[in-house]
Amino acid sequence: MTDTQKKEPAPPRPATTVLLLRPSKRGDRASPLEVFMVVRHHQIDSFSGAIVFPGGKLEEADGDKRLRARSGGPDTISDDELKFRIAGVREAFEECGVLLARKRGQKALIAAADLKPIEDRWRAKLAKDEASILDLVEAEDLELATDLMTPYAHWITPTFVPKRFDTWFFLAEAPEDQVALHDGSESTDSVWIGAQEAIDEATAGKRTLVHATQKNLELLAEGGTVAGAIAAAAVRKIVTVQPWVETRDGKRYLHLPPDAGYRGLSREMPAQPGAVPQTGR
């Protein structure tokens, strides 16, 4: 195949991923925080069977200009970043039932008792694209807590992968009295787990992690409390990560940018044809 006959890379789809954090319930000083993760349904083609953070593709309604007036945070947040934050709030609600929102004029996030009827009215509709996040906030008179979404990482799937994503990762502390639970359709199980514990279980063959998930777990496992992790993310420079491949001594290696803040910047790719480390969430 000549260069002119080579297929152009698939355009990456904009997406958002949310790392919901809480203090460890096990009193583990070595791992003082836990992150909520879901197991992807085996019949879904993206990250089938893997344990991932909640998230998904942006929807057109996430960028509706009317949502700015119903979003918390400074006016300095660009429209482009705001729509990713809004998508993160929506995806967390759709995928695990956590709604990062407050009644307009209030500081506290919506309580579990008030959330239940909202969930009954809207969660399934949003998941089925029968309603938008704008419909929800206008009908329930809510403000989205986009001010509590802290940018954490930005990954773009390599050009040689057929299905590509342009994904922003955000940290957010889960409301203490809201219960996170997988949706039963896109995800079949869920767990609150320490970052290093998830990595160790994947190493032992008990779980499957895609490349981007593992690297961001490694970053999260460097220690600290929930507040510490969020504070560190707020001041860390985010470098866009689009892994690339280099061949050395007959072997292919996947590389990450050296200034992105991750350890282990090079990874040997699997020998079998077509088997590549997925990078999405």
Protein backbone atom coordinates (compact mmCIF):
# COMPACT_ATOMS: atom_id res chain seq x y z
CA MET A 1 0.00 0.00 0.00
CA THR A 2 1.44 3.39 -0.98
CA ASP A 3 1.40 6.45 1.26
CA THR A 4 -1.42 7.93 -0.79
CA GLN A 5 -3.46 4.75 -0.29
CA LYS A 6 -3.04 4.66 3.47
CA LYS A 7 -6.21 5.29 5.40
CA GLU A 8 -6.48 8.53 7.30
CA PRO A 9 -6.67 8.11 11.09
CA ALA A 10 -10.19 8.06 12.47
CA PRO A 11 -11.09 11.41 14.07
CA PRO A 12 -11.11 11.18 17.88
CA ARG A 13 -14.49 11.53 19.55
CA PRO A 14 -14.65 14.09 22.40
CA ALA A 15 -15.25 12.34 25.72
CA THR A 16 -15.11 12.91 29.47
CA THR A 17 -14.07 10.65 32.32
CA VAL A 18 -14.68 11.26 36.03
CA LEU A 19 -12.58 9.96 38.91
CA LEU A 20 -15.02 10.07 41.84
CA LEU A 21 -13.02 10.03 45.08
CA ARG A 22 -13.83 9.37 48.72
CA PRO A 23 -11.78 8.78 51.90
CA SER A 24 -10.93 5.11 52.38
CA LYS A 25 -13.54 3.29 54.47
CA ARG A 26 -10.93 0.78 55.62
CA GLY A 27 -8.68 3.19 57.46
CA ASP A 28 -5.73 2.23 55.26
CA ARG A 29 -2.99 4.81 55.88
CA ALA A 30 -1.05 3.59 52.84
CA SER A 31 -4.11 4.20 50.64
CA PRO A 32 -6.14 7.01 52.25
CA LEU A 33 -8.52 7.45 49.32
CA GLU A 34 -10.66 5.24 47.10
CA VAL A 35 -11.86 5.79 43.55
CA PHE A 36 -15.15 4.57 42.07
CA MET A 37 -14.75 2.21 39.10
CA VAL A 38 -17.15 0.21 36.94
CA VAL A 39 -16.76 -2.99 34.95
CA ARG A 40 -17.65 -2.53 31.30
CA HIS A 41 -20.25 -4.88 29.80
CA HIS A 42 -18.63 -7.70 27.81
CA GLN A 43 -20.90 -7.01 24.81
CA ILE A 44 -19.70 -3.40 24.44
CA ASP A 45 -16.93 -2.99 21.89
CA SER A 46 -15.05 -0.22 23.76
CA PHE A 47 -13.02 -1.56 26.72
CA SER A 48 -15.16 -4.71 27.00
CA GLY A 49 -14.79 -6.34 30.42
CA ALA A 50 -12.30 -3.74 31.65
CA ILE A 51 -12.55 -1.86 34.92
CA VAL A 52 -12.74 1.86 34.10
CA PHE A 53 -13.75 5.22 35.52
CA PRO A 54 -17.30 6.40 34.70
CA GLY A 55 -17.49 8.48 31.54
CA GLY A 56 -18.51 8.65 27.93
CA LYS A 57 -18.82 10.73 24.77
CA LEU A 58 -19.87 14.37 24.74
CA GLU A 59 -23.38 15.11 23.58
CA GLU A 60 -24.34 18.19 21.60
CA ALA A 61 -26.56 19.41 24.46
CA ASP A 62 -23.57 19.44 26.84
CA GLY A 63 -22.37 22.56 25.02
CA ASP A 64 -25.70 24.41 25.10
CA LYS A 65 -24.96 28.08 25.90
CA ARG A 66 -27.88 28.22 28.35
CA LEU A 67 -26.07 25.81 30.67
CA ARG A 68 -23.43 28.38 31.63
CA ALA A 69 -25.98 30.21 33.78
CA ARG A 70 -26.68 26.92 35.54
CA SER A 71 -23.05 25.90 36.08
CA GLY A 72 -20.90 26.66 39.10
CA GLY A 73 -17.39 28.03 38.75
CA PRO A 74 -15.55 31.11 37.58
CA ASP A 75 -16.36 32.87 34.32
CA THR A 76 -12.77 32.17 33.28
CA ILE A 77 -13.67 28.56 32.43
CA SER A 78 -13.81 28.49 28.63
CA ASP A 79 -16.90 27.29 26.80
CA ASP A 80 -14.87 24.37 25.45
CA GLU A 81 -13.73 23.23 28.90
CA LEU A 82 -17.15 23.83 30.45
CA LYS A 83 -18.88 21.41 28.09
CA PHE A 84 -16.43 18.67 29.11
CA ARG A 85 -17.16 19.38 32.78
CA ILE A 86 -20.91 19.33 32.12
CA ALA A 87 -20.55 16.03 30.27
CA GLY A 88 -18.71 14.65 33.30
CA VAL A 89 -21.56 15.61 35.63
CA ARG A 90 -24.07 14.03 33.25
CA GLU A 91 -22.07 10.83 32.77
CA ALA A 92 -21.58 10.37 36.53
CA PHE A 93 -25.34 10.65 36.97
CA GLU A 94 -26.19 8.34 34.07
CA GLU A 95 -23.57 5.72 34.80
CA CYS A 96 -23.48 5.56 38.60
CA GLY A 97 -26.35 7.68 39.95
CA VAL A 98 -24.17 10.40 41.52
CA LEU A 99 -25.46 13.90 40.75
CA LEU A 100 -22.94 16.69 41.29
CA ALA A 101 -25.50 19.47 41.47
CA ARG A 102 -27.18 21.77 43.97
CA LYS A 103 -30.48 23.59 44.20
CA ARG A 104 -30.01 27.07 42.79
CA GLY A 105 -28.98 29.51 45.49
CA GLN A 106 -27.66 26.78 47.79
CA LYS A 107 -24.03 25.82 48.54
CA ALA A 108 -24.55 22.19 49.56
CA LEU A 109 -24.86 19.44 46.98
CA ILE A 110 -28.24 17.84 46.63
CA ALA A 111 -28.96 15.35 49.41
CA ALA A 112 -29.73 11.68 48.81
CA ALA A 113 -33.35 12.05 49.94
CA ASP A 114 -33.94 14.79 47.34
CA LEU A 115 -31.96 12.92 44.70
CA LYS A 116 -34.12 9.77 44.64
CA PRO A 117 -37.19 11.31 42.93
CA ILE A 118 -34.92 13.22 40.51
CA GLU A 119 -33.16 9.96 39.64
CA ASP A 120 -36.49 8.22 39.10
CA ARG A 121 -37.64 10.96 36.75
CA TRP A 122 -34.47 11.58 34.76
CA ARG A 123 -31.68 9.00 34.95
CA ALA A 124 -33.19 6.51 32.49
CA LYS A 125 -34.34 9.29 30.15
CA LEU A 126 -30.84 10.74 29.95
CA ALA A 127 -29.30 7.32 29.38
CA LYS A 128 -31.76 6.64 26.52
CA ASP A 129 -31.25 10.12 24.98
CA GLU A 130 -34.90 10.92 25.67
CA ALA A 131 -33.89 14.07 27.55
CA SER A 132 -30.84 16.32 27.89
CA ILE A 133 -28.94 17.63 30.87
CA LEU A 134 -30.49 21.05 30.12
CA ASP A 135 -33.98 19.57 30.42
CA LEU A 136 -33.06 18.16 33.83
CA VAL A 137 -31.55 21.30 35.35
CA GLU A 138 -34.32 23.58 34.09
CA ALA A 139 -37.13 21.31 35.26
CA GLU A 140 -35.58 20.71 38.70
CA ASP A 141 -34.11 24.24 39.04
CA LEU A 142 -30.57 22.98 39.63
CA GLU A 143 -27.06 24.34 39.27
CA LEU A 144 -24.44 21.87 38.05
CA ALA A 145 -21.43 21.68 40.38
CA THR A 146 -18.91 22.09 37.56
CA ASP A 147 -16.81 24.10 40.03
CA LEU A 148 -16.07 20.82 41.84
CA MET A 149 -14.69 19.14 38.68
CA THR A 150 -10.89 19.49 38.73
CA PRO A 151 -9.05 18.83 35.43
CA TYR A 152 -6.70 15.87 35.91
CA ALA A 153 -5.47 14.61 32.54
CA HIS A 154 -6.04 14.80 28.79
CA TRP A 155 -5.51 11.73 26.58
CA ILE A 156 -6.01 11.23 22.85
CA THR A 157 -6.08 7.70 21.44
CA PRO A 158 -3.12 6.89 19.12
CA THR A 159 -3.70 7.39 15.41
CA PHE A 160 -3.28 3.69 14.59
CA VAL A 161 -6.29 2.64 16.73
CA PRO A 162 -9.56 2.33 14.74
CA LYS A 163 -11.83 3.76 17.47
CA ARG A 164 -10.36 6.93 18.94
CA PHE A 165 -11.29 9.30 21.77
CA ASP A 166 -10.19 12.77 22.84
CA THR A 167 -10.78 12.42 26.57
CA TRP A 168 -10.57 14.85 29.45
CA PHE A 169 -10.24 13.33 32.93
CA PHE A 170 -11.60 15.15 36.00
CA LEU A 171 -11.36 14.57 39.74
CA ALA A 172 -14.40 15.14 41.97
CA GLU A 173 -15.16 14.23 45.56
CA ALA A 174 -18.27 12.07 45.73
CA PRO A 175 -21.09 13.44 47.93
CA GLU A 176 -20.96 11.53 51.20
CA ASP A 177 -24.65 10.59 51.35
CA GLN A 178 -25.16 9.71 47.68
CA VAL A 179 -24.74 6.05 46.76
CA ALA A 180 -22.70 5.26 43.64
CA LEU A 181 -23.92 2.18 41.77
CA HIS A 182 -23.31 0.89 38.23
CA ASP A 183 -26.15 1.21 35.73
CA GLY A 184 -26.46 -2.49 34.85
CA SER A 185 -26.34 -1.89 31.08
CA GLU A 186 -23.03 -0.30 30.01
CA SER A 187 -21.46 -1.54 33.25
CA THR A 188 -22.13 -4.82 35.05
CA ASP A 189 -20.35 -4.29 38.36
CA SER A 190 -18.76 -1.51 40.38
CA VAL A 191 -16.34 -1.04 43.25
CA TRP A 192 -14.76 1.58 45.46
CA ILE A 193 -11.09 0.66 45.39
CA GLY A 194 -7.68 2.04 46.26
CA ALA A 195 -5.64 3.05 43.23
CA GLN A 196 -2.70 0.75 44.00
CA GLU A 197 -5.08 -2.08 44.88
CA ALA A 198 -6.67 -1.84 41.41
CA ILE A 199 -3.22 -1.92 39.79
CA ASP A 200 -2.13 -4.90 41.90
CA GLU A 201 -5.29 -6.85 41.08
CA ALA A 202 -4.75 -6.21 37.36
CA THR A 203 -1.13 -7.36 37.65
CA ALA A 204 -2.38 -10.55 39.34
CA GLY A 205 -4.81 -11.16 36.49
CA LYS A 206 -7.93 -10.49 38.57
CA ARG A 207 -8.94 -7.37 36.64
CA THR A 208 -8.37 -5.81 33.22
CA LEU A 209 -7.08 -2.25 32.92
CA VAL A 210 -6.69 -0.25 29.72
CA HIS A 211 -3.50 1.74 29.37
CA ALA A 212 -4.83 5.23 30.17
CA THR A 213 -6.71 3.94 33.21
CA GLN A 214 -3.60 2.26 34.60
CA LYS A 215 -1.39 5.31 34.10
CA ASN A 216 -3.89 7.59 35.83
CA LEU A 217 -4.29 5.10 38.67
CA GLU A 218 -0.50 5.11 39.05
CA LEU A 219 -0.59 8.90 39.32
CA LEU A 220 -3.41 8.71 41.87
CA ALA A 221 -1.55 6.06 43.87
CA GLU A 222 1.31 8.41 44.62
CA GLY A 223 -0.46 9.12 47.88
CA GLY A 224 -2.40 11.77 49.70
CA THR A 225 -5.92 12.39 50.87
CA VAL A 226 -8.88 13.27 48.68
CA ALA A 227 -8.32 16.96 49.36
CA GLY A 228 -4.59 16.54 48.70
CA ALA A 229 -5.15 14.77 45.38
CA ILE A 230 -7.54 17.48 44.21
CA ALA A 231 -5.22 20.28 45.36
CA ALA A 232 -2.26 18.67 43.56
CA ALA A 233 -4.29 18.29 40.36
CA ALA A 234 -5.34 21.95 40.53
CA VAL A 235 -1.73 23.14 40.25
CA ARG A 236 -0.31 20.41 38.01
CA LYS A 237 0.28 21.36 34.38
CA ILE A 238 -1.79 19.11 32.14
CA VAL A 239 0.10 17.88 29.09
CA THR A 240 -1.93 16.25 26.33
CA VAL A 241 -0.98 12.58 25.99
CA GLN A 242 -1.23 10.97 22.57
CA PRO A 243 0.88 7.79 22.74
CA TRP A 244 3.04 6.88 19.76
CA VAL A 245 4.93 3.79 18.65
CA GLU A 246 8.64 3.33 17.99
CA THR A 247 10.40 0.15 16.86
CA ARG A 248 13.66 -0.84 18.55
CA ASP A 249 15.59 -4.12 18.16
CA GLY A 250 12.63 -5.66 16.34
CA LYS A 251 10.18 -4.81 19.12
CA ARG A 252 7.49 -2.13 19.18
CA TYR A 253 7.19 0.24 22.13
CA LEU A 254 4.37 2.58 23.08
CA HIS A 255 5.67 5.93 24.36
CA LEU A 256 4.21 8.78 26.43
CA PRO A 257 5.41 12.41 26.48
CA PRO A 258 8.18 12.82 29.08
CA ASP A 259 6.68 16.01 30.52
CA ALA A 260 3.20 14.57 31.17
CA GLY A 261 4.01 13.61 34.76
CA TYR A 262 3.73 9.83 34.46
CA ARG A 263 6.26 7.18 35.38
CA GLY A 264 7.11 4.32 33.05
CA LEU A 265 6.96 6.29 29.81
CA SER A 266 7.72 3.32 27.53
CA ARG A 267 5.80 0.06 27.27
CA GLU A 268 6.46 -2.91 25.00
CA MET A 269 3.47 -3.68 22.86
CA PRO A 270 1.97 -7.19 22.66
CA ALA A 271 3.45 -9.46 19.99
CA GLN A 272 0.17 -10.68 18.51
CA PRO A 273 -1.02 -8.66 15.48
CA GLY A 274 -3.65 -6.05 16.25
CA ALA A 275 -3.26 -6.29 20.03
CA VAL A 276 -2.58 -2.76 21.21
CA PRO A 277 -2.94 -1.13 24.60
CA GLN A 278 -6.23 0.76 24.48
CA THR A 279 -6.15 4.36 25.65
CA GLY A 280 -9.49 5.93 26.44
CA ARG A 281 -10.55 5.88 30.06
